[in-house]
Amino acid sequence: MVSEGQGENSSSQNVKNFILKIIRRGAKSGKTEILLSDGSSFFVTQGIVVKNQLEPGMFLEEKQIQILKNKADFILAKKKSLEFLSVREHTVYQLKQKLLLKDFPPEIIENVLSELQEEGSLSNERFAEVWIRSRIKKHPEGYVLLLSGLIKAGIPSGEAGNLLNLNMENIDFEEVLISAAEKIMRNNSITKEKLFRRLGARGFDISSIIKFIENHYDK
């Protein structure tokens, strides 16, 4: 509760503003605007208003205002994060970028990301598992491109390699290659050379491609 500095007798050196008006800006946004005596304003949540007993006429020091802002930013940033995560899994990097675009302070974002990871709501490992499974089903490709995709999603290269290796136990790359080749070979006029190049472009290793072509092409 930030009641310190409330009242007429507070030191003029410490008291910067008093609250003129408190305006709820809608249930959907979760924001409540605090209008101050100097003409400025800031946003908090209604829960913060109630918990800290904020009301018109209450004096607030600059330090108290910043504490309230930080609390509100954390709550709103976490709420927005959970909205993003309810749609799909994200890497830590992806979620960070989305929160930055929403203009949350970087230090607040870092605190939110840390808490979400501790709670298990945010996980690079879970993202990798879901992404790899979906990628192989929709656009079958080899180890190299899968690794590249995880790195592009913002997972550090070392961690990305470890996560891909963990998921390789559930991946039969021979079956993945066959699936990719079947999609490519829907064009009946494709030559061995074109098939070789396209499988190579999808990240499959040369020896596996040669073996597939020898065993399956023209059969």
C-alpha atoms as a PDB file:
ATOM      1  CA  MET A   1       0.000   0.000   0.000  1.00  0.00           C
ATOM      2  CA  VAL A   2       1.466   3.347  -1.049  1.00  0.00           C
ATOM      3  CA  SER A   3      -0.168   5.698   1.444  1.00  0.00           C
ATOM      4  CA  GLU A   4       3.077   7.379   2.469  1.00  0.00           C
ATOM      5  CA  GLY A   5       2.974  11.112   1.764  1.00  0.00           C
ATOM      6  CA  GLN A   6      -0.850  11.371   2.029  1.00  0.00           C
ATOM      7  CA  GLY A   7      -2.215  14.441   3.787  1.00  0.00           C
ATOM      8  CA  GLU A   8      -1.849  18.194   3.896  1.00  0.00           C
ATOM      9  CA  ASN A   9       1.203  18.197   6.172  1.00  0.00           C
ATOM     10  CA  SER A  10       3.509  16.169   3.904  1.00  0.00           C
ATOM     11  CA  SER A  11       6.821  17.796   3.103  1.00  0.00           C
ATOM     12  CA  SER A  12       6.656  19.999   0.001  1.00  0.00           C
ATOM     13  CA  GLN A  13      10.002  18.577  -1.070  1.00  0.00           C
ATOM     14  CA  ASN A  14       8.606  15.039  -1.169  1.00  0.00           C
ATOM     15  CA  VAL A  15       5.036  15.663  -2.369  1.00  0.00           C
ATOM     16  CA  LYS A  16       4.926  16.192  -6.112  1.00  0.00           C
ATOM     17  CA  ASN A  17       1.281  15.721  -7.004  1.00  0.00           C
ATOM     18  CA  PHE A  18      -2.132  14.846  -5.723  1.00  0.00           C
ATOM     19  CA  ILE A  19      -4.774  12.797  -7.484  1.00  0.00           C
ATOM     20  CA  LEU A  20      -7.411  14.881  -9.251  1.00  0.00           C
ATOM     21  CA  LYS A  21      -9.490  12.122 -10.744  1.00  0.00           C
ATOM     22  CA  ILE A  22      -9.579   8.343 -11.237  1.00  0.00           C
ATOM     23  CA  ILE A  23     -11.115   7.102 -14.498  1.00  0.00           C
ATOM     24  CA  ARG A  24     -11.797   3.468 -15.402  1.00  0.00           C
ATOM     25  CA  ARG A  25     -11.022   3.019 -19.090  1.00  0.00           C
ATOM     26  CA  GLY A  26     -12.905  -0.235 -19.701  1.00  0.00           C
ATOM     27  CA  ALA A  27     -12.941  -3.771 -18.393  1.00  0.00           C
ATOM     28  CA  LYS A  28     -11.320  -5.200 -21.527  1.00  0.00           C
ATOM     29  CA  SER A  29      -8.146  -3.118 -21.295  1.00  0.00           C
ATOM     30  CA  GLY A  30      -7.929  -3.562 -17.535  1.00  0.00           C
ATOM     31  CA  LYS A  31      -6.601  -0.016 -17.266  1.00  0.00           C
ATOM     32  CA  THR A  32      -7.573   2.775 -14.891  1.00  0.00           C
ATOM     33  CA  GLU A  33      -6.230   6.261 -15.531  1.00  0.00           C
ATOM     34  CA  ILE A  34      -4.943   8.410 -12.658  1.00  0.00           C
ATOM     35  CA  LEU A  35      -5.125  12.138 -13.415  1.00  0.00           C
ATOM     36  CA  LEU A  36      -2.681  14.247 -11.401  1.00  0.00           C
ATOM     37  CA  SER A  37      -2.695  17.840 -10.265  1.00  0.00           C
ATOM     38  CA  ASP A  38       0.138  18.866 -12.614  1.00  0.00           C
ATOM     39  CA  GLY A  39      -1.915  17.803 -15.640  1.00  0.00           C
ATOM     40  CA  SER A  40      -0.099  14.516 -16.196  1.00  0.00           C
ATOM     41  CA  SER A  41      -1.584  11.061 -15.882  1.00  0.00           C
ATOM     42  CA  PHE A  42      -0.612   7.406 -15.705  1.00  0.00           C
ATOM     43  CA  PHE A  43      -2.332   4.041 -15.884  1.00  0.00           C
ATOM     44  CA  VAL A  44      -2.724   1.349 -13.254  1.00  0.00           C
ATOM     45  CA  THR A  45      -5.109  -1.568 -12.825  1.00  0.00           C
ATOM     46  CA  GLN A  46      -8.316  -1.334 -10.824  1.00  0.00           C
ATOM     47  CA  GLY A  47      -6.875  -3.907  -8.444  1.00  0.00           C
ATOM     48  CA  ILE A  48      -4.003  -1.541  -7.671  1.00  0.00           C
ATOM     49  CA  VAL A  49      -6.445   1.301  -7.049  1.00  0.00           C
ATOM     50  CA  VAL A  50      -8.341  -0.804  -4.510  1.00  0.00           C
ATOM     51  CA  LYS A  51      -5.304  -2.371  -2.842  1.00  0.00           C
ATOM     52  CA  ASN A  52      -3.545   0.982  -2.381  1.00  0.00           C
ATOM     53  CA  GLN A  53      -6.742   2.861  -1.519  1.00  0.00           C
ATOM     54  CA  LEU A  54      -6.100   5.448  -4.212  1.00  0.00           C
ATOM     55  CA  GLU A  55      -8.626   8.285  -4.247  1.00  0.00           C
ATOM     56  CA  PRO A  56      -8.934  11.906  -5.380  1.00  0.00           C
ATOM     57  CA  GLY A  57      -7.044  14.309  -3.124  1.00  0.00           C
ATOM     58  CA  MET A  58      -4.421  11.730  -2.176  1.00  0.00           C
ATOM     59  CA  PHE A  59      -0.829  13.047  -2.378  1.00  0.00           C
ATOM     60  CA  LEU A  60       1.750  10.938  -4.183  1.00  0.00           C
ATOM     61  CA  GLU A  61       5.504  11.355  -4.271  1.00  0.00           C
ATOM     62  CA  GLU A  62       7.328  10.700  -7.526  1.00  0.00           C
ATOM     63  CA  LYS A  63       8.805   7.520  -6.075  1.00  0.00           C
ATOM     64  CA  GLN A  64       5.336   6.254  -5.168  1.00  0.00           C
ATOM     65  CA  ILE A  65       4.049   7.034  -8.655  1.00  0.00           C
ATOM     66  CA  GLN A  66       6.881   5.043 -10.202  1.00  0.00           C
ATOM     67  CA  ILE A  67       6.198   2.074  -7.917  1.00  0.00           C
ATOM     68  CA  LEU A  68       2.545   2.115  -8.957  1.00  0.00           C
ATOM     69  CA  LYS A  69       3.503   2.349 -12.635  1.00  0.00           C
ATOM     70  CA  ASN A  70       5.896  -0.587 -12.323  1.00  0.00           C
ATOM     71  CA  LYS A  71       3.292  -2.740 -10.575  1.00  0.00           C
ATOM     72  CA  ALA A  72       0.720  -1.922 -13.240  1.00  0.00           C
ATOM     73  CA  ASP A  73       3.144  -2.537 -16.115  1.00  0.00           C
ATOM     74  CA  PHE A  74       4.057  -5.930 -14.679  1.00  0.00           C
ATOM     75  CA  ILE A  75       0.428  -6.996 -14.271  1.00  0.00           C
ATOM     76  CA  LEU A  76      -0.575  -5.762 -17.734  1.00  0.00           C
ATOM     77  CA  ALA A  77       2.515  -7.222 -19.437  1.00  0.00           C
ATOM     78  CA  LYS A  78       1.902 -10.610 -17.850  1.00  0.00           C
ATOM     79  CA  LYS A  79      -1.767 -10.488 -18.826  1.00  0.00           C
ATOM     80  CA  LYS A  80      -0.846  -9.691 -22.435  1.00  0.00           C
ATOM     81  CA  SER A  81       1.772 -12.464 -22.404  1.00  0.00           C
ATOM     82  CA  LEU A  82      -0.760 -15.035 -21.292  1.00  0.00           C
ATOM     83  CA  GLU A  83      -3.077 -13.877 -24.079  1.00  0.00           C
ATOM     84  CA  PHE A  84      -0.323 -14.495 -26.626  1.00  0.00           C
ATOM     85  CA  LEU A  85       0.513 -17.872 -25.093  1.00  0.00           C
ATOM     86  CA  SER A  86      -3.125 -18.945 -25.124  1.00  0.00           C
ATOM     87  CA  VAL A  87      -3.026 -18.787 -28.937  1.00  0.00           C
ATOM     88  CA  ARG A  88       0.210 -20.752 -29.450  1.00  0.00           C
ATOM     89  CA  GLU A  89       3.554 -21.595 -27.892  1.00  0.00           C
ATOM     90  CA  HIS A  90       6.250 -18.914 -28.111  1.00  0.00           C
ATOM     91  CA  THR A  91       9.977 -18.845 -27.571  1.00  0.00           C
ATOM     92  CA  VAL A  92      11.260 -16.452 -24.925  1.00  0.00           C
ATOM     93  CA  TYR A  93      12.623 -14.253 -27.717  1.00  0.00           C
ATOM     94  CA  GLN A  94       9.346 -14.156 -29.669  1.00  0.00           C
ATOM     95  CA  LEU A  95       7.324 -13.151 -26.624  1.00  0.00           C
ATOM     96  CA  LYS A  96       9.879 -10.511 -25.667  1.00  0.00           C
ATOM     97  CA  GLN A  97       9.636  -8.912 -29.106  1.00  0.00           C
ATOM     98  CA  LYS A  98       5.835  -8.800 -28.940  1.00  0.00           C
ATOM     99  CA  LEU A  99       5.915  -7.144 -25.513  1.00  0.00           C
ATOM    100  CA  LEU A 100       8.450  -4.577 -26.724  1.00  0.00           C
ATOM    101  CA  LEU A 101       6.071  -3.699 -29.564  1.00  0.00           C
ATOM    102  CA  LYS A 102       3.416  -3.050 -26.895  1.00  0.00           C
ATOM    103  CA  ASP A 103       5.801  -0.473 -25.342  1.00  0.00           C
ATOM    104  CA  PHE A 104       6.277  -2.202 -22.000  1.00  0.00           C
ATOM    105  CA  PRO A 105       9.542  -1.172 -20.258  1.00  0.00           C
ATOM    106  CA  PRO A 106      12.426  -3.609 -20.960  1.00  0.00           C
ATOM    107  CA  GLU A 107      13.110  -4.261 -17.255  1.00  0.00           C
ATOM    108  CA  ILE A 108       9.435  -5.106 -16.660  1.00  0.00           C
ATOM    109  CA  ILE A 109       9.483  -7.452 -19.653  1.00  0.00           C
ATOM    110  CA  GLU A 110      12.515  -9.310 -18.295  1.00  0.00           C
ATOM    111  CA  ASN A 111      10.795  -9.778 -14.934  1.00  0.00           C
ATOM    112  CA  VAL A 112       7.619 -11.058 -16.608  1.00  0.00           C
ATOM    113  CA  LEU A 113       9.553 -13.486 -18.812  1.00  0.00           C
ATOM    114  CA  SER A 114      11.430 -14.836 -15.805  1.00  0.00           C
ATOM    115  CA  GLU A 115       8.230 -15.401 -13.834  1.00  0.00           C
ATOM    116  CA  LEU A 116       6.480 -17.074 -16.778  1.00  0.00           C
ATOM    117  CA  GLN A 117       9.416 -19.458 -17.230  1.00  0.00           C
ATOM    118  CA  GLU A 118       9.480 -20.266 -13.520  1.00  0.00           C
ATOM    119  CA  GLU A 119       5.749 -21.006 -13.627  1.00  0.00           C
ATOM    120  CA  GLY A 120       6.150 -23.149 -16.741  1.00  0.00           C
ATOM    121  CA  SER A 121       3.853 -20.993 -18.870  1.00  0.00           C
ATOM    122  CA  LEU A 122       6.731 -20.086 -21.203  1.00  0.00           C
ATOM    123  CA  SER A 123       9.129 -22.745 -22.459  1.00  0.00           C
ATOM    124  CA  ASN A 124      11.594 -22.927 -25.350  1.00  0.00           C
ATOM    125  CA  GLU A 125      11.583 -26.708 -24.925  1.00  0.00           C
ATOM    126  CA  ARG A 126       7.823 -26.973 -25.330  1.00  0.00           C
ATOM    127  CA  PHE A 127       7.880 -24.578 -28.288  1.00  0.00           C
ATOM    128  CA  ALA A 128      10.532 -26.717 -29.990  1.00  0.00           C
ATOM    129  CA  GLU A 129       8.572 -29.927 -29.475  1.00  0.00           C
ATOM    130  CA  VAL A 130       5.359 -28.468 -30.909  1.00  0.00           C
ATOM    131  CA  TRP A 131       7.079 -26.590 -33.738  1.00  0.00           C
ATOM    132  CA  ILE A 132       9.172 -29.564 -34.905  1.00  0.00           C
ATOM    133  CA  ARG A 133       6.152 -31.873 -34.931  1.00  0.00           C
ATOM    134  CA  SER A 134       4.068 -29.364 -36.892  1.00  0.00           C
ATOM    135  CA  ARG A 135       6.894 -28.508 -39.287  1.00  0.00           C
ATOM    136  CA  ILE A 136       7.589 -32.118 -40.198  1.00  0.00           C
ATOM    137  CA  LYS A 137       3.907 -32.752 -40.837  1.00  0.00           C
ATOM    138  CA  LYS A 138       3.251 -29.674 -42.970  1.00  0.00           C
ATOM    139  CA  HIS A 139       6.632 -29.131 -44.630  1.00  0.00           C
ATOM    140  CA  PRO A 140       8.916 -32.143 -44.120  1.00  0.00           C
ATOM    141  CA  GLU A 141      12.577 -31.169 -44.053  1.00  0.00           C
ATOM    142  CA  GLY A 142      15.906 -32.356 -42.740  1.00  0.00           C
ATOM    143  CA  TYR A 143      17.952 -31.699 -39.627  1.00  0.00           C
ATOM    144  CA  VAL A 144      19.767 -28.647 -40.976  1.00  0.00           C
ATOM    145  CA  LEU A 145      16.628 -26.670 -41.796  1.00  0.00           C
ATOM    146  CA  LEU A 146      14.872 -27.720 -38.602  1.00  0.00           C
ATOM    147  CA  LEU A 147      17.841 -26.410 -36.621  1.00  0.00           C
ATOM    148  CA  SER A 148      17.840 -23.203 -38.656  1.00  0.00           C
ATOM    149  CA  GLY A 149      14.119 -22.749 -37.985  1.00  0.00           C
ATOM    150  CA  LEU A 150      14.574 -23.019 -34.225  1.00  0.00           C
ATOM    151  CA  ILE A 151      17.391 -20.484 -34.332  1.00  0.00           C
ATOM    152  CA  LYS A 152      15.267 -18.103 -36.426  1.00  0.00           C
ATOM    153  CA  ALA A 153      12.574 -18.413 -33.743  1.00  0.00           C
ATOM    154  CA  GLY A 154      15.085 -16.872 -31.334  1.00  0.00           C
ATOM    155  CA  ILE A 155      16.450 -19.932 -29.557  1.00  0.00           C
ATOM    156  CA  PRO A 156      20.254 -19.692 -29.078  1.00  0.00           C
ATOM    157  CA  SER A 157      22.109 -22.075 -31.407  1.00  0.00           C
ATOM    158  CA  GLY A 158      23.483 -24.322 -28.661  1.00  0.00           C
ATOM    159  CA  GLU A 159      20.116 -24.652 -26.977  1.00  0.00           C
ATOM    160  CA  ALA A 160      18.405 -25.168 -30.341  1.00  0.00           C
ATOM    161  CA  GLY A 161      20.757 -28.049 -31.158  1.00  0.00           C
ATOM    162  CA  ASN A 162      20.126 -29.678 -27.798  1.00  0.00           C
ATOM    163  CA  LEU A 163      16.353 -29.355 -28.162  1.00  0.00           C
ATOM    164  CA  LEU A 164      16.405 -30.780 -31.681  1.00  0.00           C
ATOM    165  CA  ASN A 165      18.550 -33.697 -30.541  1.00  0.00           C
ATOM    166  CA  LEU A 166      16.101 -34.385 -27.713  1.00  0.00           C
ATOM    167  CA  ASN A 167      13.247 -34.547 -30.204  1.00  0.00           C
ATOM    168  CA  MET A 168      15.169 -36.705 -32.681  1.00  0.00           C
ATOM    169  CA  GLU A 169      14.231 -39.774 -30.644  1.00  0.00           C
ATOM    170  CA  ASN A 170      10.716 -39.324 -31.996  1.00  0.00           C
ATOM    171  CA  ILE A 171      11.786 -38.474 -35.557  1.00  0.00           C
ATOM    172  CA  ASP A 172      12.409 -41.027 -38.317  1.00  0.00           C
ATOM    173  CA  PHE A 173      14.285 -38.859 -40.813  1.00  0.00           C
ATOM    174  CA  GLU A 174      14.048 -41.587 -43.448  1.00  0.00           C
ATOM    175  CA  GLU A 175      10.255 -41.344 -43.242  1.00  0.00           C
ATOM    176  CA  VAL A 176      10.477 -37.555 -43.250  1.00  0.00           C
ATOM    177  CA  LEU A 177      12.627 -37.659 -46.389  1.00  0.00           C
ATOM    178  CA  ILE A 178      10.188 -40.031 -48.102  1.00  0.00           C
ATOM    179  CA  SER A 179       7.311 -37.701 -47.220  1.00  0.00           C
ATOM    180  CA  ALA A 180       9.183 -34.700 -48.625  1.00  0.00           C
ATOM    181  CA  ALA A 181      10.100 -36.601 -51.797  1.00  0.00           C
ATOM    182  CA  GLU A 182       6.524 -37.714 -52.355  1.00  0.00           C
ATOM    183  CA  LYS A 183       5.351 -34.111 -52.199  1.00  0.00           C
ATOM    184  CA  ILE A 184       8.041 -33.050 -54.677  1.00  0.00           C
ATOM    185  CA  MET A 185       7.378 -36.001 -57.005  1.00  0.00           C
ATOM    186  CA  ARG A 186       3.721 -35.063 -57.434  1.00  0.00           C
ATOM    187  CA  ASN A 187       5.117 -33.314 -60.469  1.00  0.00           C
ATOM    188  CA  ASN A 188       5.531 -36.384 -62.698  1.00  0.00           C
ATOM    189  CA  SER A 189       8.040 -34.659 -64.937  1.00  0.00           C
ATOM    190  CA  ILE A 190      10.639 -34.076 -62.237  1.00  0.00           C
ATOM    191  CA  THR A 191      14.079 -35.471 -63.017  1.00  0.00           C
ATOM    192  CA  LYS A 192      16.467 -37.192 -60.638  1.00  0.00           C
ATOM    193  CA  GLU A 193      18.688 -34.118 -60.721  1.00  0.00           C
ATOM    194  CA  LYS A 194      15.854 -31.779 -59.745  1.00  0.00           C
ATOM    195  CA  LEU A 195      14.690 -34.175 -57.046  1.00  0.00           C
ATOM    196  CA  PHE A 196      18.217 -34.320 -55.659  1.00  0.00           C
ATOM    197  CA  ARG A 197      18.513 -30.519 -55.579  1.00  0.00           C
ATOM    198  CA  ARG A 198      15.118 -29.966 -53.973  1.00  0.00           C
ATOM    199  CA  LEU A 199      15.707 -32.536 -51.245  1.00  0.00           C
ATOM    200  CA  GLY A 200      19.095 -30.968 -50.607  1.00  0.00           C
ATOM    201  CA  ALA A 201      17.435 -27.558 -50.342  1.00  0.00           C
ATOM    202  CA  ARG A 202      15.155 -28.995 -47.663  1.00  0.00           C
ATOM    203  CA  GLY A 203      18.124 -29.823 -45.477  1.00  0.00           C
ATOM    204  CA  PHE A 204      18.501 -33.590 -46.022  1.00  0.00           C
ATOM    205  CA  ASP A 205      22.017 -35.000 -46.084  1.00  0.00           C
ATOM    206  CA  ILE A 206      23.499 -36.127 -49.391  1.00  0.00           C
ATOM    207  CA  SER A 207      23.960 -39.798 -48.498  1.00  0.00           C
ATOM    208  CA  SER A 208      20.314 -40.157 -47.472  1.00  0.00           C
ATOM    209  CA  ILE A 209      19.137 -38.475 -50.669  1.00  0.00           C
ATOM    210  CA  ILE A 210      21.297 -40.743 -52.859  1.00  0.00           C
ATOM    211  CA  LYS A 211      20.039 -43.812 -51.006  1.00  0.00           C
ATOM    212  CA  PHE A 212      16.426 -42.755 -51.453  1.00  0.00           C
ATOM    213  CA  ILE A 213      16.808 -42.073 -55.171  1.00  0.00           C
ATOM    214  CA  GLU A 214      18.550 -45.413 -55.727  1.00  0.00           C
ATOM    215  CA  ASN A 215      15.850 -47.319 -53.843  1.00  0.00           C
ATOM    216  CA  HIS A 216      12.703 -45.481 -54.836  1.00  0.00           C
ATOM    217  CA  TYR A 217      13.076 -43.443 -58.009  1.00  0.00           C
ATOM    218  CA  ASP A 218      11.456 -45.113 -61.046  1.00  0.00           C
ATOM    219  CA  LYS A 219      10.024 -47.870 -58.844  1.00  0.00           C
END
